[in-house]
C-alpha cells in the first residue's frame, strides 16, 4: 500500500508513537510522519506509508494552520502549560478585544523568532532541550518564519485572561513562542495553554481519521480506503505531464532530461501520467540546461 493517512493525533502520544502504532496496524516498516506534534498537542498529522515516505521532506515544507490558546499573566520555562512557572503578573486590566486584534496584526508577515529552550533545535550538534535539562546556558539562533494569517477567535473559557487564535504559518514556526511574544506585546507574561493543528498543506481536519476509525476499517479489510493519493502531498509543487512513451522509456528509469521551457525556477516539480505520480525532478545543479530526478516512484 502506498499513500497518505490523514491521522488525527490524540493528546498523550508523540508523533513517533503514532508512527510505531501505524506500522503495527498496517504491517509495514515504511511509515513516516510529516511534522512533529508535541505529546500534549492534538491535530492533523499526515502519515506517509509505502512509497509515500519518499515525499516526507516535501510535505514537511508546506504551510500549517493552528488553533492556539493564549493564557496571560503566567510565563513558563517551556512556553506552554506543561512547564514550570517562572513569572506571574496579575492581569488587573484585561486587554480589550480590539487591543488583542491590534497586537496580532504586528505579527503578520515575516517574523523573527528565538526558538524555546525546550525544543529540538540543534546548536553545536546538541538539542536545545538537552541544554535546558542540564541547566547549561547557550545562545539560541534566531530564525525567520512567515505568518500568513492570524486572527482572534471567541474564547471557550469564561475569563478575560485567555483568548484563542487561528494562525496560518510557514514551516518551523513555534506557536508557543508566538503566544509568548503576543503576551509581551500586550504587556503581560504569557504562555500557550492549548494547541490544535487543523491543516497541513492541502490536508484538513474534515478528512482526518482517528485510531478508532483506522482499527475498525482494518478489521473490515478496507485499509486501502483510508489512504489518500501521494500527489495530494505535493499540491504545492508545479506539475508537468508526459506521454506514455516518455514515461516508460525515460521517467521511470530516472533519466536526466532537457529542461522544459516551462521550468524557470530552481524548485522541485513533479511529472504525472494521467493521474499517476511518476517522479519529482529539479534543475540539475551543475548543468542548468538539464533536469534530474530526485525521487522516482514505481508504476
Protein backbone atom coordinates (compact mmCIF):
# COMPACT_ATOMS: atom_id res chain seq x y z
CA UNK A 1 0.00 0.00 0.00
CA UNK A 2 1.18 3.46 -0.92
CA UNK A 3 -0.48 6.68 0.17
CA UNK A 4 -1.04 9.27 2.87
CA UNK A 5 -3.06 8.64 6.01
CA UNK A 6 -4.52 11.92 7.38
CA UNK A 7 -4.27 10.92 11.04
CA UNK A 8 -5.88 12.96 13.80
CA UNK A 9 -3.23 12.61 16.50
CA UNK A 10 -4.67 12.37 20.02
CA UNK A 11 -3.19 14.07 23.05
CA UNK A 12 -0.78 11.97 25.05
CA UNK A 13 1.04 10.38 22.12
CA UNK A 14 4.27 11.50 20.49
CA UNK A 15 4.49 11.62 16.70
CA UNK A 16 6.90 8.68 16.90
CA UNK A 17 4.34 6.73 18.97
CA UNK A 18 1.86 7.27 16.13
CA UNK A 19 4.31 6.00 13.53
CA UNK A 20 5.02 2.86 15.55
CA UNK A 21 1.32 2.14 16.00
CA UNK A 22 0.61 2.64 12.29
CA UNK A 23 3.47 0.26 11.44
CA UNK A 24 1.82 -2.42 13.56
CA UNK A 25 -1.67 -1.78 12.20
CA UNK A 26 -0.63 -1.74 8.54
CA UNK A 27 2.06 -4.41 8.86
CA UNK A 28 4.83 -2.37 7.24
CA UNK A 29 8.02 -0.61 8.31
CA UNK A 30 7.74 2.01 5.57
CA UNK A 31 5.92 4.64 7.60
CA UNK A 32 6.91 8.24 8.32
CA UNK A 33 5.25 11.34 9.78
CA UNK A 34 5.32 14.80 8.25
CA UNK A 35 6.00 17.22 11.09
CA UNK A 36 6.32 16.62 14.81
CA UNK A 37 3.45 17.45 17.16
CA UNK A 38 4.24 17.62 20.87
CA UNK A 39 2.56 14.94 23.04
CA UNK A 40 0.11 17.41 24.62
CA UNK A 41 -0.98 18.71 21.20
CA UNK A 42 -3.71 17.10 19.15
CA UNK A 43 -4.42 17.54 15.49
CA UNK A 44 -3.69 16.66 11.92
CA UNK A 45 -0.56 14.57 11.39
CA UNK A 46 -0.34 13.19 7.83
CA UNK A 47 1.37 9.80 7.88
CA UNK A 48 3.15 8.58 4.74
CA UNK A 49 3.00 4.86 4.01
CA UNK A 50 4.95 2.79 1.47
CA UNK A 51 6.38 4.80 -1.43
CA UNK A 52 4.77 7.92 0.04
CA UNK A 53 7.65 8.03 2.55
CA UNK A 54 9.72 9.42 -0.34
CA UNK A 55 7.74 12.68 -0.22
CA UNK A 56 8.03 13.31 3.54
CA UNK A 57 10.61 16.15 3.16
CA UNK A 58 8.39 17.92 0.61
CA UNK A 59 5.21 17.63 2.65
CA UNK A 60 7.04 18.96 5.71
CA UNK A 61 7.72 22.18 3.77
CA UNK A 62 4.02 23.02 3.48
CA UNK A 63 2.10 25.64 5.46
CA UNK A 64 0.29 24.72 8.66
CA UNK A 65 -2.89 26.01 10.35
CA UNK A 66 -3.31 26.00 14.13
CA UNK A 67 -5.88 26.95 16.73
CA UNK A 68 -3.95 28.16 19.78
CA UNK A 69 -4.98 29.37 23.21
CA UNK A 70 -3.01 32.15 24.92
CA UNK A 71 -3.00 32.49 28.70
CA UNK A 72 -1.97 35.91 30.01
CA UNK A 73 -0.37 36.57 33.40
CA UNK A 74 1.82 33.45 33.63
CA UNK A 75 5.05 32.55 31.82
CA UNK A 76 6.56 29.06 31.95
CA UNK A 77 10.01 27.71 31.12
CA UNK A 78 8.62 25.57 28.28
CA UNK A 79 6.30 28.35 26.99
CA UNK A 80 3.32 26.01 27.36
CA UNK A 81 1.09 24.77 30.20
CA UNK A 82 3.34 21.78 30.93
CA UNK A 83 6.27 23.82 32.19
CA UNK A 84 7.33 25.35 35.48
CA UNK A 85 6.02 28.84 36.23
CA UNK A 86 8.82 31.42 36.00
CA UNK A 87 6.85 34.69 36.01
CA UNK A 88 3.48 35.85 37.28
CA UNK A 89 1.69 39.16 36.84
CA UNK A 90 -1.87 39.94 37.78
CA UNK A 91 -4.00 40.81 34.77
CA UNK A 92 -5.81 43.63 36.54
CA UNK A 93 -6.98 45.24 33.31
CA UNK A 94 -7.50 42.56 30.67
CA UNK A 95 -6.85 43.77 27.12
CA UNK A 96 -9.93 44.59 25.08
CA UNK A 97 -10.87 42.58 22.03
CA UNK A 98 -9.70 45.47 19.87
CA UNK A 99 -6.36 45.63 21.70
CA UNK A 100 -5.82 41.91 21.02
CA UNK A 101 -6.71 42.33 17.35
CA UNK A 102 -4.31 45.27 17.00
CA UNK A 103 -1.49 43.35 18.70
CA UNK A 104 -1.97 40.36 16.39
CA UNK A 105 -1.52 42.48 13.28
CA UNK A 106 2.07 43.22 14.33
CA UNK A 107 2.87 39.53 13.83
CA UNK A 108 1.51 39.18 10.32
CA UNK A 109 4.18 38.68 7.66
CA UNK A 110 7.82 37.79 8.20
CA UNK A 111 8.62 37.33 11.89
CA UNK A 112 11.92 36.67 13.66
CA UNK A 113 11.63 34.06 16.41
CA UNK A 114 14.01 32.77 19.06
CA UNK A 115 13.16 29.06 19.49
CA UNK A 116 12.17 27.97 23.01
CA UNK A 117 14.81 26.30 25.15
CA UNK A 118 12.63 23.22 25.36
CA UNK A 119 12.74 22.45 21.64
CA UNK A 120 14.60 20.09 19.32
CA UNK A 121 16.54 22.85 17.53
CA UNK A 122 20.21 21.88 17.45
CA UNK A 123 23.12 24.11 18.48
CA UNK A 124 26.60 22.63 18.03
CA UNK A 125 25.09 19.20 17.47
CA UNK A 126 23.09 19.26 20.70
CA UNK A 127 19.35 19.86 21.07
CA UNK A 128 18.21 22.91 22.99
CA UNK A 129 16.15 20.87 25.42
CA UNK A 130 19.31 18.95 26.33
CA UNK A 131 20.98 22.24 27.29
CA UNK A 132 17.86 23.21 29.25
CA UNK A 133 17.71 19.94 31.20
CA UNK A 134 21.42 20.22 32.02
CA UNK A 135 20.92 23.87 33.03
CA UNK A 136 23.64 24.88 30.56
CA UNK A 137 23.47 28.37 29.02
CA UNK A 138 23.53 28.55 25.23
CA UNK A 139 22.83 31.24 22.64
CA UNK A 140 19.74 30.35 20.68
CA UNK A 141 19.76 31.01 16.93
CA UNK A 142 17.19 33.42 15.56
CA UNK A 143 15.07 32.19 12.67
CA UNK A 144 12.73 33.84 10.20
CA UNK A 145 9.24 32.43 9.71
CA UNK A 146 6.15 33.71 7.93
CA UNK A 147 2.73 34.27 9.50
CA UNK A 148 0.36 34.32 6.54
CA UNK A 149 -2.75 34.98 8.59
CA UNK A 150 -3.54 35.46 12.27
CA UNK A 151 -6.87 36.33 13.86
CA UNK A 152 -8.60 36.08 17.21
CA UNK A 153 -11.41 33.62 17.89
CA UNK A 154 -14.13 33.61 20.55
CA UNK A 155 -12.81 32.12 23.79
CA UNK A 156 -14.45 28.98 25.18
CA UNK A 157 -13.49 29.94 28.74
CA UNK A 158 -15.32 32.39 30.94
CA UNK A 159 -12.40 34.68 31.74
CA UNK A 160 -10.62 37.58 30.09
CA UNK A 161 -7.08 36.38 30.64
CA UNK A 162 -7.38 33.70 27.95
CA UNK A 163 -8.03 34.12 24.23
CA UNK A 164 -7.80 31.92 21.15
CA UNK A 165 -6.04 32.43 17.84
CA UNK A 166 -6.15 30.95 14.37
CA UNK A 167 -2.69 31.00 12.79
CA UNK A 168 -1.66 30.09 9.24
CA UNK A 169 2.13 29.89 9.12
CA UNK A 170 5.21 28.54 7.40
CA UNK A 171 7.23 25.51 8.34
CA UNK A 172 9.30 25.94 11.50
CA UNK A 173 7.00 28.39 13.28
CA UNK A 174 6.89 27.92 17.05
CA UNK A 175 3.34 28.72 18.14
CA UNK A 176 4.46 28.61 21.78
CA UNK A 177 6.92 31.40 21.11
CA UNK A 178 4.33 33.34 19.13
CA UNK A 179 1.96 33.22 22.12
CA UNK A 180 4.70 34.46 24.45
CA UNK A 181 5.58 37.31 22.09
CA UNK A 182 1.93 38.32 21.74
CA UNK A 183 1.70 38.45 25.53
CA UNK A 184 4.72 40.75 25.65
CA UNK A 185 3.08 42.99 23.06
CA UNK A 186 0.06 43.25 25.36
CA UNK A 187 2.28 43.92 28.39
CA UNK A 188 1.95 40.58 30.17
CA UNK A 189 3.88 37.33 30.63
CA UNK A 190 2.06 34.58 28.74
CA UNK A 191 2.18 31.00 27.60
CA UNK A 192 0.38 28.71 25.16
CA UNK A 193 -2.28 26.88 27.15
CA UNK A 194 -3.66 24.72 24.32
CA UNK A 195 -2.90 23.90 20.67
CA UNK A 196 -4.63 22.05 17.84
CA UNK A 197 -3.29 21.67 14.30
CA UNK A 198 -6.20 21.74 11.86
CA UNK A 199 -4.44 21.79 8.48
CA UNK A 200 -1.16 20.65 6.92
CA UNK A 201 -0.68 21.62 3.29
CA UNK A 202 -3.82 20.52 1.45
CA UNK A 203 -4.93 18.14 4.24
CA UNK A 204 -7.76 19.30 6.51
CA UNK A 205 -9.36 18.31 9.79
CA UNK A 206 -12.57 17.28 7.98
CA UNK A 207 -10.87 14.41 6.14
CA UNK A 208 -8.78 13.20 9.08
CA UNK A 209 -9.23 9.80 10.74
CA UNK A 210 -8.79 8.67 14.33
CA UNK A 211 -7.13 5.49 15.53
CA UNK A 212 -10.57 4.07 16.36
CA UNK A 213 -11.67 4.56 12.76
CA UNK A 214 -8.40 3.10 11.46
CA UNK A 215 -8.69 -0.02 13.60
CA UNK A 216 -12.33 -0.57 12.64
CA UNK A 217 -11.59 -0.12 8.93
CA UNK A 218 -8.63 -2.52 9.06
CA UNK A 219 -10.77 -5.06 10.90
CA UNK A 220 -13.14 -4.97 7.91
CA UNK A 221 -10.24 -5.40 5.47
CA UNK A 222 -10.70 -2.00 3.84
CA UNK A 223 -7.50 -0.23 4.91
CA UNK A 224 -6.75 0.96 1.35
CA UNK A 225 -9.83 3.21 1.64
CA UNK A 226 -8.05 5.19 4.37
CA UNK A 227 -5.15 6.29 2.17
CA UNK A 228 -5.13 9.43 0.06
CA UNK A 229 -3.02 9.52 -3.15
CA UNK A 230 0.62 10.57 -2.84
CA UNK A 231 0.14 13.53 -5.16
CA UNK A 232 -2.08 15.15 -2.51
CA UNK A 233 1.08 15.80 -0.51
CA UNK A 234 2.68 17.63 -3.44
CA UNK A 235 -0.09 20.05 -4.36
CA UNK A 236 2.28 22.95 -3.74
CA UNK A 237 4.69 21.79 -6.48
CA UNK A 238 4.42 22.60 -10.17
CA UNK A 239 3.30 19.61 -12.23
CA UNK A 240 4.15 18.56 -15.78
CA UNK A 241 2.54 15.82 -17.85
CA UNK A 242 4.31 13.32 -20.10
CA UNK A 243 3.13 10.79 -22.66
CA UNK A 244 3.23 7.02 -22.10
CA UNK A 245 6.31 6.52 -24.26
CA UNK A 246 8.31 9.10 -22.32
CA UNK A 247 7.11 7.65 -19.04
CA UNK A 248 8.22 4.11 -19.83
CA UNK A 249 11.43 4.98 -21.64
CA UNK A 250 12.83 7.77 -19.51
CA UNK A 251 10.99 8.96 -16.39
CA UNK A 252 10.60 5.58 -14.67
CA UNK A 253 14.26 4.82 -15.42
CA UNK A 254 15.31 8.01 -13.64
CA UNK A 255 16.99 9.55 -16.66
CA UNK A 256 18.14 13.15 -16.96
CA UNK A 257 16.11 15.20 -19.44
CA UNK A 258 16.40 18.51 -21.28
CA UNK A 259 14.92 21.32 -19.23
CA UNK A 260 11.39 22.18 -20.42
CA UNK A 261 10.75 25.84 -21.24
CA UNK A 262 8.03 25.95 -18.59
CA UNK A 263 10.55 25.23 -15.81
CA UNK A 264 12.12 28.55 -14.84
CA UNK A 265 12.55 28.29 -11.06
CA UNK A 266 15.13 26.16 -9.26
CA UNK A 267 12.36 24.40 -7.32
CA UNK A 268 11.31 20.74 -7.40
CA UNK A 269 8.39 19.82 -9.66
CA UNK A 270 6.53 16.61 -10.44
CA UNK A 271 5.89 14.54 -13.56
CA UNK A 272 2.45 13.00 -13.96
CA UNK A 273 0.99 10.47 -16.40
CA UNK A 274 -2.79 10.84 -16.29
CA UNK A 275 -3.42 10.73 -12.50
CA UNK A 276 -0.29 8.73 -11.72
CA UNK A 277 2.62 10.35 -9.87
CA UNK A 278 5.82 9.32 -11.66
CA UNK A 279 8.71 11.33 -10.23
CA UNK A 280 9.99 14.50 -8.60
CA UNK A 281 12.55 16.35 -10.70
CA UNK A 282 14.62 19.50 -10.29
CA UNK A 283 17.03 21.55 -12.40
CA UNK A 284 20.44 19.89 -12.49
CA UNK A 285 22.69 21.83 -10.07
CA UNK A 286 25.71 21.65 -12.40
CA UNK A 287 24.01 21.54 -15.81
CA UNK A 288 21.21 24.15 -15.86
CA UNK A 289 20.01 23.03 -19.31
CA UNK A 290 19.09 19.63 -17.84
CA UNK A 291 16.68 18.33 -15.19
CA UNK A 292 17.42 15.36 -12.94
CA UNK A 293 15.21 13.10 -10.79
CA UNK A 294 15.32 13.35 -7.00
CA UNK A 295 12.52 10.81 -6.38
CA UNK A 296 11.15 8.15 -8.74
CA UNK A 297 8.02 6.16 -7.93
CA UNK A 298 7.33 2.63 -9.11
CA UNK A 299 4.43 2.30 -11.52
